[in-house]
Amino acid sequence: MEPAAVRHHQSHNGRGKGTKAGLLDLFYNDIAIDLGTANTLIATKRNGIVYSEPSVIAFNPQGSPVSIGREAWMMHEKTHKEIRTVRPLKDGVIADFEAAEHMIRGMIKCAKKKWYSSTRQMVICVPCGITDVEKRAVRDSAEHAGAREVHMVEEPMAAAIGVGLPVHEPKGHMIVDIGGGTTEIAVIALSGIVHSQSVRLAGDKLTDDIIHYFRRTQNLLIGYKTAEKIKCEIGSATPLDEELEMDVKGRDLVKGIPKTLRVSSADVRDALWQSVNLIVQAILGSLEKTPPELAADILDHGIILAGGGALLKNLDRRIAEQTDLPVHIAEDPLTAVVRGTSAVLDDLEYYKAVLV
C-alpha cells in the first residue's frame, strides 16, 4: 500500500514550477546524505540513491586522499606506512573533522552525474542525542564540501519517513534505527519526536564484542573485517532453528602463528549477548516513558526496526519476546534512512516541521 506521506509528496512534486525553474534545476545537484558511522548513502532529487559505500577514507603521507569508500575499505587494516585509513565518524558523529570533510567532498563528487552541477541544498540526517558542537561540525563539513544550504533531520524521523509511516498524523509509532555507531529509539507523532533515546551502542560495538570474545576465550586475534563477516553471516540474537558454522582465520596469541578455527553461531551469540540485551533494555526503557495513548497505538502498530543492525538474525524475535509487542523489520532496512532523507529533500516545505 502506498504511504500517505509519499502520495502527498508526489501530488506536490512540480506544483508551481515553471519551465525556467526546471531548466535551472539541471545546473543544481541537490542531495540527501545518510552520513553513517559504517556506511554513507547519498540520494539525489532526480536519480534516487546514487552512492552507497563504507565511510572510510585513505590518505598518503602528505595528507592527501588517495581513495574513499569501498576502495579504502579494502585497504583497511592491510596498509603499509605510506597509507593511512581513517573512519571519520564515531558513535554516529564526526570524530575527525578534516577527514570527514575530505570524505564528504569526495563522495559528493562520485555521486554527481554532471561535472558542472553545484549543490544548492543538502539534507543530512543526525543522531537524536547530537550536541550543538556536533551539529556545527556536521554543518561546517557539508558547507566546506560545497553545499549552499544545509538542513538536518534526526535519524529515526528520517527512517520513519523512509519506511512510509504517516509521521504527520496524531498516531504513535515506535521506530528503532540500529546503525553502525548508535541505536536510535524514538516514538513519533504529529511530525515530532515525543520521546527519544540515543544509545551509543550498535553494529560497531557488536563487531568489537566478537573480536574481544575470541581473544578472551580462544586466544585468537581476528581483524575488524573478519569479525564483521562473522556477525553478518552467523550472528544471531536467539537460538537458530539450525545452528550455523564457519571457519575463521586469525593469529594464535599463544604461538604467534596464523590459525584457522571452526566457530558456531552459538559462540557468536554468547559474544553478542550483553550488547543485544542492552539494546533491548533501552527499548523497554523507552516504552516505559511513552505516554499511555501513544503506547496504545504502538500496541496496535508494533515496533519498526531499521538500519543495518535490524538484519541481525532473530533480533526481531528477541525484542518481541521481551516486549510482548509485534516487531517488524523495515523493507530494505539499510536504505530506510536515506530514503526518508531524500523524501524530505524532495519536499522541504511539507516536511518543514521535522527538520532539526
Protein backbone atom coordinates (compact mmCIF):
# COMPACT_ATOMS: atom_id res chain seq x y z
CA MET A 1 0.00 0.00 0.00
CA GLU A 2 1.36 3.44 -0.90
CA PRO A 3 2.05 5.55 2.24
CA ALA A 4 0.05 8.75 2.68
CA ALA A 5 3.20 10.86 3.05
CA VAL A 6 4.57 9.58 -0.27
CA ARG A 7 1.24 10.15 -2.03
CA HIS A 8 1.15 13.70 -0.67
CA HIS A 9 4.71 14.32 -1.81
CA GLN A 10 4.00 13.03 -5.30
CA SER A 11 0.94 15.22 -5.63
CA HIS A 12 3.04 18.27 -4.66
CA ASN A 13 6.01 17.48 -6.89
CA GLY A 14 6.27 20.01 -9.67
CA ARG A 15 3.45 22.24 -8.42
CA GLY A 16 4.09 25.91 -9.23
CA LYS A 17 7.33 25.23 -11.11
CA GLY A 18 7.76 26.85 -14.49
CA THR A 19 10.00 25.90 -17.37
CA LYS A 20 12.66 28.33 -16.17
CA ALA A 21 12.85 26.62 -12.76
CA GLY A 22 13.07 23.26 -14.49
CA LEU A 23 16.00 24.43 -16.63
CA LEU A 24 17.78 25.93 -13.63
CA ASP A 25 17.41 22.61 -11.77
CA LEU A 26 19.66 20.99 -14.38
CA PHE A 27 22.57 23.04 -13.04
CA TYR A 28 21.99 22.02 -9.41
CA ASN A 29 22.70 18.72 -7.71
CA ASP A 30 20.59 18.79 -4.52
CA ILE A 31 21.47 15.79 -2.37
CA ALA A 32 20.35 13.84 0.69
CA ILE A 33 23.03 12.15 2.81
CA ASP A 34 22.83 9.37 5.38
CA LEU A 35 26.24 10.02 6.90
CA GLY A 36 26.68 6.83 8.87
CA THR A 37 29.47 5.51 11.09
CA ALA A 38 29.78 2.37 8.96
CA ASN A 39 28.30 3.37 5.57
CA THR A 40 27.40 6.58 3.77
CA LEU A 41 24.48 6.67 1.34
CA ILE A 42 23.71 9.57 -0.99
CA ALA A 43 20.49 10.22 -2.93
CA THR A 44 19.72 12.99 -5.41
CA LYS A 45 16.40 14.55 -6.35
CA ARG A 46 16.21 13.11 -9.83
CA ASN A 47 18.15 9.85 -9.56
CA GLY A 48 17.33 8.32 -6.14
CA ILE A 49 20.16 6.50 -4.35
CA VAL A 50 23.35 7.06 -6.35
CA TYR A 51 26.06 6.18 -3.80
CA SER A 52 26.33 3.55 -1.06
CA GLU A 53 29.78 2.77 0.26
CA PRO A 54 31.70 2.37 3.56
CA SER A 55 32.54 5.56 5.49
CA VAL A 56 36.30 5.18 5.11
CA ILE A 57 38.99 7.35 3.54
CA ALA A 58 42.67 6.61 2.86
CA PHE A 59 45.45 9.22 2.98
CA ASN A 60 49.04 9.32 1.76
CA PRO A 61 51.89 10.66 3.98
CA GLN A 62 51.30 14.21 2.66
CA GLY A 63 47.71 14.10 3.98
CA SER A 64 46.07 13.94 0.55
CA PRO A 65 43.20 11.49 0.00
CA VAL A 66 44.09 8.53 -2.22
CA SER A 67 40.78 6.65 -2.10
CA ILE A 68 37.39 6.68 -0.41
CA GLY A 69 34.53 4.28 0.19
CA ARG A 70 34.82 0.64 -0.85
CA GLU A 71 38.32 1.00 -2.25
CA ALA A 72 39.58 2.49 1.04
CA TRP A 73 37.70 -0.21 2.98
CA MET A 74 39.59 -2.91 1.04
CA MET A 75 42.82 -1.27 2.27
CA HIS A 76 41.63 -1.00 5.89
CA GLU A 77 43.86 -2.98 8.30
CA LYS A 78 46.09 -4.01 5.36
CA THR A 79 48.06 -0.81 4.78
CA HIS A 80 51.78 -0.03 4.97
CA LYS A 81 53.30 3.12 6.48
CA GLU A 82 52.75 5.12 3.28
CA ILE A 83 48.94 4.80 3.50
CA ARG A 84 46.68 5.58 6.45
CA THR A 85 42.99 4.63 6.53
CA VAL A 86 40.56 6.65 8.65
CA ARG A 87 36.94 6.14 9.67
CA PRO A 88 35.99 9.79 10.35
CA LEU A 89 32.77 9.05 12.23
CA LYS A 90 32.44 7.52 15.66
CA ASP A 91 29.18 6.85 17.52
CA GLY A 92 27.22 8.46 14.69
CA VAL A 93 29.01 11.83 14.82
CA ILE A 94 32.13 13.33 13.25
CA ALA A 95 35.26 12.46 15.21
CA ASP A 96 37.84 13.62 12.65
CA PHE A 97 36.65 16.89 11.11
CA GLU A 98 39.29 17.19 8.38
CA ALA A 99 38.97 13.56 7.26
CA ALA A 100 35.16 13.85 7.26
CA GLU A 101 35.31 16.96 5.08
CA HIS A 102 37.59 15.24 2.55
CA MET A 103 35.37 12.15 2.58
CA ILE A 104 32.09 14.05 2.10
CA ARG A 105 33.57 16.13 -0.71
CA GLY A 106 34.91 13.02 -2.45
CA MET A 107 31.66 11.12 -2.08
CA ILE A 108 29.62 14.05 -3.43
CA LYS A 109 31.97 14.22 -6.41
CA CYS A 110 31.41 10.49 -7.06
CA ALA A 111 27.63 10.97 -6.75
CA LYS A 112 27.48 13.88 -9.22
CA LYS A 113 26.19 12.95 -12.64
CA LYS A 114 27.31 16.21 -14.27
CA TRP A 115 30.63 17.91 -13.52
CA TYR A 116 29.18 21.41 -13.86
CA SER A 117 26.33 20.95 -11.34
CA SER A 118 26.63 22.56 -7.91
CA THR A 119 24.97 21.60 -4.62
CA ARG A 120 22.24 24.08 -3.74
CA GLN A 121 20.54 22.21 -0.91
CA MET A 122 21.73 19.32 1.23
CA VAL A 123 19.75 17.35 3.80
CA ILE A 124 21.81 15.31 6.27
CA CYS A 125 20.49 13.02 8.99
CA VAL A 126 21.95 13.24 12.51
CA PRO A 127 21.52 11.19 15.72
CA CYS A 128 18.88 12.24 18.28
CA GLY A 129 21.40 12.85 21.05
CA ILE A 130 23.67 15.09 18.98
CA THR A 131 25.12 18.13 20.77
CA ASP A 132 25.25 21.68 19.38
CA VAL A 133 29.00 21.31 18.82
CA GLU A 134 28.48 18.07 16.88
CA LYS A 135 25.70 19.74 14.82
CA ARG A 136 28.08 22.57 13.95
CA ALA A 137 30.74 20.03 12.86
CA VAL A 138 28.23 18.35 10.50
CA ARG A 139 27.02 21.69 9.11
CA ASP A 140 30.56 23.03 8.61
CA SER A 141 31.71 19.83 6.88
CA ALA A 142 28.73 20.00 4.50
CA GLU A 143 29.28 23.69 3.74
CA HIS A 144 33.01 23.20 3.16
CA ALA A 145 32.10 20.34 0.81
CA GLY A 146 30.15 22.83 -1.32
CA ALA A 147 26.57 22.92 -0.01
CA ARG A 148 24.97 26.37 -0.05
CA GLU A 149 22.08 25.46 2.23
CA VAL A 150 22.25 22.64 4.82
CA HIS A 151 19.24 21.10 6.56
CA MET A 152 19.33 18.36 9.20
CA VAL A 153 16.78 15.72 10.15
CA GLU A 154 17.02 13.26 13.04
CA GLU A 155 17.78 9.68 12.01
CA PRO A 156 14.70 7.95 13.49
CA MET A 157 12.41 10.55 11.87
CA ALA A 158 14.15 10.00 8.52
CA ALA A 159 13.82 6.24 8.97
CA ALA A 160 10.11 6.58 9.79
CA ILE A 161 9.52 8.64 6.64
CA GLY A 162 11.64 6.19 4.64
CA VAL A 163 9.55 3.18 5.66
CA GLY A 164 6.34 5.05 4.83
CA LEU A 165 4.96 5.82 8.29
CA PRO A 166 2.38 8.67 8.36
CA VAL A 167 4.52 10.89 10.62
CA HIS A 168 2.17 13.91 10.33
CA GLU A 169 -0.81 12.06 11.81
CA PRO A 170 -1.80 12.01 15.52
CA LYS A 171 -0.79 8.38 15.85
CA GLY A 172 2.10 6.94 17.81
CA HIS A 173 4.79 4.89 16.09
CA MET A 174 7.97 3.48 17.60
CA ILE A 175 10.98 3.13 15.34
CA VAL A 176 14.35 1.64 16.31
CA ASP A 177 17.19 2.51 13.95
CA ILE A 178 20.24 0.34 14.66
CA GLY A 179 23.16 1.75 12.73
CA GLY A 180 26.92 1.36 12.99
CA GLY A 181 27.62 3.74 15.87
CA THR A 182 24.26 4.42 17.53
CA THR A 183 20.89 2.82 18.20
CA GLU A 184 18.18 5.47 17.85
CA ILE A 185 14.87 4.72 19.58
CA ALA A 186 12.02 7.16 19.02
CA VAL A 187 8.28 7.47 19.49
CA ILE A 188 6.91 9.68 16.71
CA ALA A 189 3.58 11.51 16.37
CA LEU A 190 2.38 14.74 14.72
CA SER A 191 5.67 15.39 12.86
CA GLY A 192 7.64 15.36 16.09
CA ILE A 193 9.59 13.04 18.33
CA VAL A 194 7.63 12.59 21.58
CA HIS A 195 10.35 10.56 23.26
CA SER A 196 13.77 9.56 22.02
CA GLN A 197 16.82 7.76 23.27
CA SER A 198 20.16 7.57 21.52
CA VAL A 199 22.29 4.67 22.73
CA ARG A 200 25.90 4.83 21.56
CA LEU A 201 25.97 1.10 21.10
CA ALA A 202 25.18 -0.56 17.75
CA GLY A 203 26.79 -2.53 14.92
CA ASP A 204 30.39 -1.46 15.61
CA LYS A 205 30.12 -2.48 19.27
CA LEU A 206 28.73 -5.88 18.27
CA THR A 207 31.72 -6.34 15.95
CA ASP A 208 34.13 -5.35 18.74
CA ASP A 209 32.39 -7.83 21.07
CA ILE A 210 33.21 -10.66 18.65
CA ILE A 211 36.89 -9.61 18.48
CA HIS A 212 37.18 -9.49 22.29
CA TYR A 213 35.28 -12.78 22.76
CA PHE A 214 37.61 -14.83 20.56
CA ARG A 215 40.65 -13.14 22.04
CA ARG A 216 39.44 -13.94 25.56
CA THR A 217 38.07 -17.46 25.06
CA GLN A 218 40.11 -18.89 22.16
CA ASN A 219 43.35 -16.88 22.29
CA LEU A 220 42.63 -15.97 18.67
CA LEU A 221 43.22 -12.43 17.40
CA ILE A 222 40.99 -11.53 14.45
CA GLY A 223 40.66 -8.32 12.48
CA TYR A 224 37.69 -5.96 12.33
CA LYS A 225 36.64 -7.04 8.83
CA THR A 226 36.73 -10.72 9.81
CA ALA A 227 34.59 -10.01 12.89
CA GLU A 228 32.14 -8.04 10.73
CA LYS A 229 31.84 -11.01 8.36
CA ILE A 230 31.21 -13.38 11.31
CA LYS A 231 28.48 -11.09 12.64
CA CYS A 232 26.71 -10.81 9.29
CA GLU A 233 26.93 -14.49 8.34
CA ILE A 234 26.31 -16.41 11.57
CA GLY A 235 25.48 -13.81 14.27
CA SER A 236 22.09 -14.14 15.98
CA ALA A 237 20.13 -12.78 18.93
CA THR A 238 18.30 -16.03 19.85
CA PRO A 239 18.97 -19.72 19.07
CA LEU A 240 18.54 -20.56 15.39
CA ASP A 241 16.41 -23.43 14.09
CA GLU A 242 19.61 -24.78 12.59
CA GLU A 243 22.85 -23.51 14.09
CA LEU A 244 25.47 -22.28 11.61
CA GLU A 245 29.26 -22.71 11.46
CA MET A 246 32.15 -21.08 9.62
CA ASP A 247 35.95 -21.17 9.52
CA VAL A 248 37.66 -18.12 11.00
CA LYS A 249 41.28 -17.19 10.30
CA GLY A 250 43.38 -15.15 12.69
CA ARG A 251 46.57 -15.20 14.73
CA ASP A 252 47.15 -17.59 17.62
CA LEU A 253 48.10 -15.38 20.58
CA VAL A 254 49.96 -18.23 22.32
CA LYS A 255 52.08 -19.49 19.41
CA GLY A 256 52.07 -16.26 17.41
CA ILE A 257 51.28 -18.02 14.13
CA PRO A 258 48.25 -17.90 11.78
CA LYS A 259 45.44 -20.25 12.78
CA THR A 260 42.05 -21.40 11.49
CA LEU A 261 39.23 -22.04 13.96
CA ARG A 262 35.78 -23.52 13.34
CA VAL A 263 33.21 -21.38 15.17
CA SER A 264 29.45 -21.78 15.61
CA SER A 265 26.56 -19.33 15.76
CA ALA A 266 26.14 -20.31 19.43
CA ASP A 267 29.66 -18.95 20.16
CA VAL A 268 28.88 -15.70 18.35
CA ARG A 269 25.55 -15.38 20.19
CA ASP A 270 27.43 -15.61 23.50
CA ALA A 271 29.75 -12.83 22.31
CA LEU A 272 26.82 -10.58 21.37
CA TRP A 273 24.51 -11.39 24.27
CA GLN A 274 25.35 -8.50 26.59
CA SER A 275 25.21 -5.74 23.96
CA VAL A 276 21.99 -7.10 22.41
CA ASN A 277 20.49 -7.18 25.90
CA LEU A 278 21.43 -3.51 26.44
CA ILE A 279 19.65 -2.56 23.20
CA VAL A 280 16.54 -4.48 24.29
CA GLN A 281 16.64 -2.85 27.75
CA ALA A 282 16.86 0.59 26.12
CA ILE A 283 13.73 -0.21 24.07
CA LEU A 284 11.92 -1.34 27.23
CA GLY A 285 13.01 1.87 28.99
CA SER A 286 11.63 3.98 26.13
CA LEU A 287 8.30 2.11 26.25
CA GLU A 288 8.05 2.91 29.97
CA LYS A 289 8.37 6.63 29.20
CA THR A 290 5.82 6.63 26.37
CA PRO A 291 2.51 8.46 27.09
CA PRO A 292 -0.37 5.94 27.50
CA GLU A 293 -2.37 6.96 24.41
CA LEU A 294 0.69 6.61 22.23
CA ALA A 295 1.57 3.32 23.94
CA ALA A 296 -1.87 2.05 22.85
CA ASP A 297 -1.02 2.99 19.24
CA ILE A 298 2.31 1.15 19.47
CA LEU A 299 0.43 -1.90 20.73
CA ASP A 300 -1.62 -1.79 17.52
CA HIS A 301 1.19 -0.95 15.07
CA GLY A 302 4.15 -2.65 16.73
CA ILE A 303 7.82 -1.64 16.68
CA ILE A 304 9.62 -0.98 13.38
CA LEU A 305 13.30 -1.95 13.08
CA ALA A 306 15.54 -0.13 10.57
CA GLY A 307 19.27 0.20 9.95
CA GLY A 308 21.86 -2.48 9.24
CA GLY A 309 21.60 -3.85 12.79
CA ALA A 310 18.00 -4.89 12.09
CA LEU A 311 19.43 -7.64 9.86
CA LEU A 312 20.97 -9.49 12.84
CA LYS A 313 19.27 -12.88 12.77
CA ASN A 314 16.31 -13.25 15.18
CA LEU A 315 16.76 -9.79 16.70
CA ASP A 316 13.10 -9.06 15.93
CA ARG A 317 12.12 -12.28 17.72
CA ARG A 318 14.23 -11.39 20.76
CA ILE A 319 12.65 -7.92 21.05
CA ALA A 320 9.14 -9.34 20.52
CA GLU A 321 9.69 -11.92 23.27
CA GLN A 322 10.77 -9.30 25.82
CA THR A 323 8.25 -6.58 24.94
CA ASP A 324 5.18 -8.71 24.04
CA LEU A 325 4.71 -6.43 21.04
CA PRO A 326 4.72 -7.18 17.31
CA VAL A 327 8.09 -6.29 15.77
CA HIS A 328 8.50 -5.61 12.04
CA ILE A 329 11.74 -5.28 10.08
CA ALA A 330 11.55 -2.45 7.53
CA GLU A 331 11.74 -3.34 3.88
CA ASP A 332 15.39 -2.84 2.89
CA PRO A 333 16.37 -1.52 6.36
CA LEU A 334 19.84 -0.39 5.19
CA THR A 335 18.37 2.30 2.93
CA ALA A 336 15.41 3.38 5.09
CA VAL A 337 17.17 6.48 6.47
CA VAL A 338 18.46 7.77 3.13
CA ARG A 339 15.06 7.16 1.51
CA GLY A 340 13.44 9.27 4.23
CA THR A 341 16.11 11.96 3.96
CA SER A 342 15.56 12.02 0.20
CA ALA A 343 11.79 12.44 0.69
CA VAL A 344 12.48 15.45 2.93
CA LEU A 345 14.80 16.94 0.28
CA ASP A 346 12.11 16.48 -2.39
CA ASP A 347 9.54 18.50 -0.41
CA LEU A 348 11.22 20.68 2.23
CA GLU A 349 8.07 22.76 2.71
CA TYR A 350 5.88 19.74 3.52
CA TYR A 351 8.47 18.27 5.90
CA LYS A 352 9.50 21.61 7.42
CA ALA A 353 8.24 20.54 10.86
CA VAL A 354 10.60 17.55 11.04
CA LEU A 355 13.82 19.49 10.40
CA VAL A 356 16.25 19.99 13.29
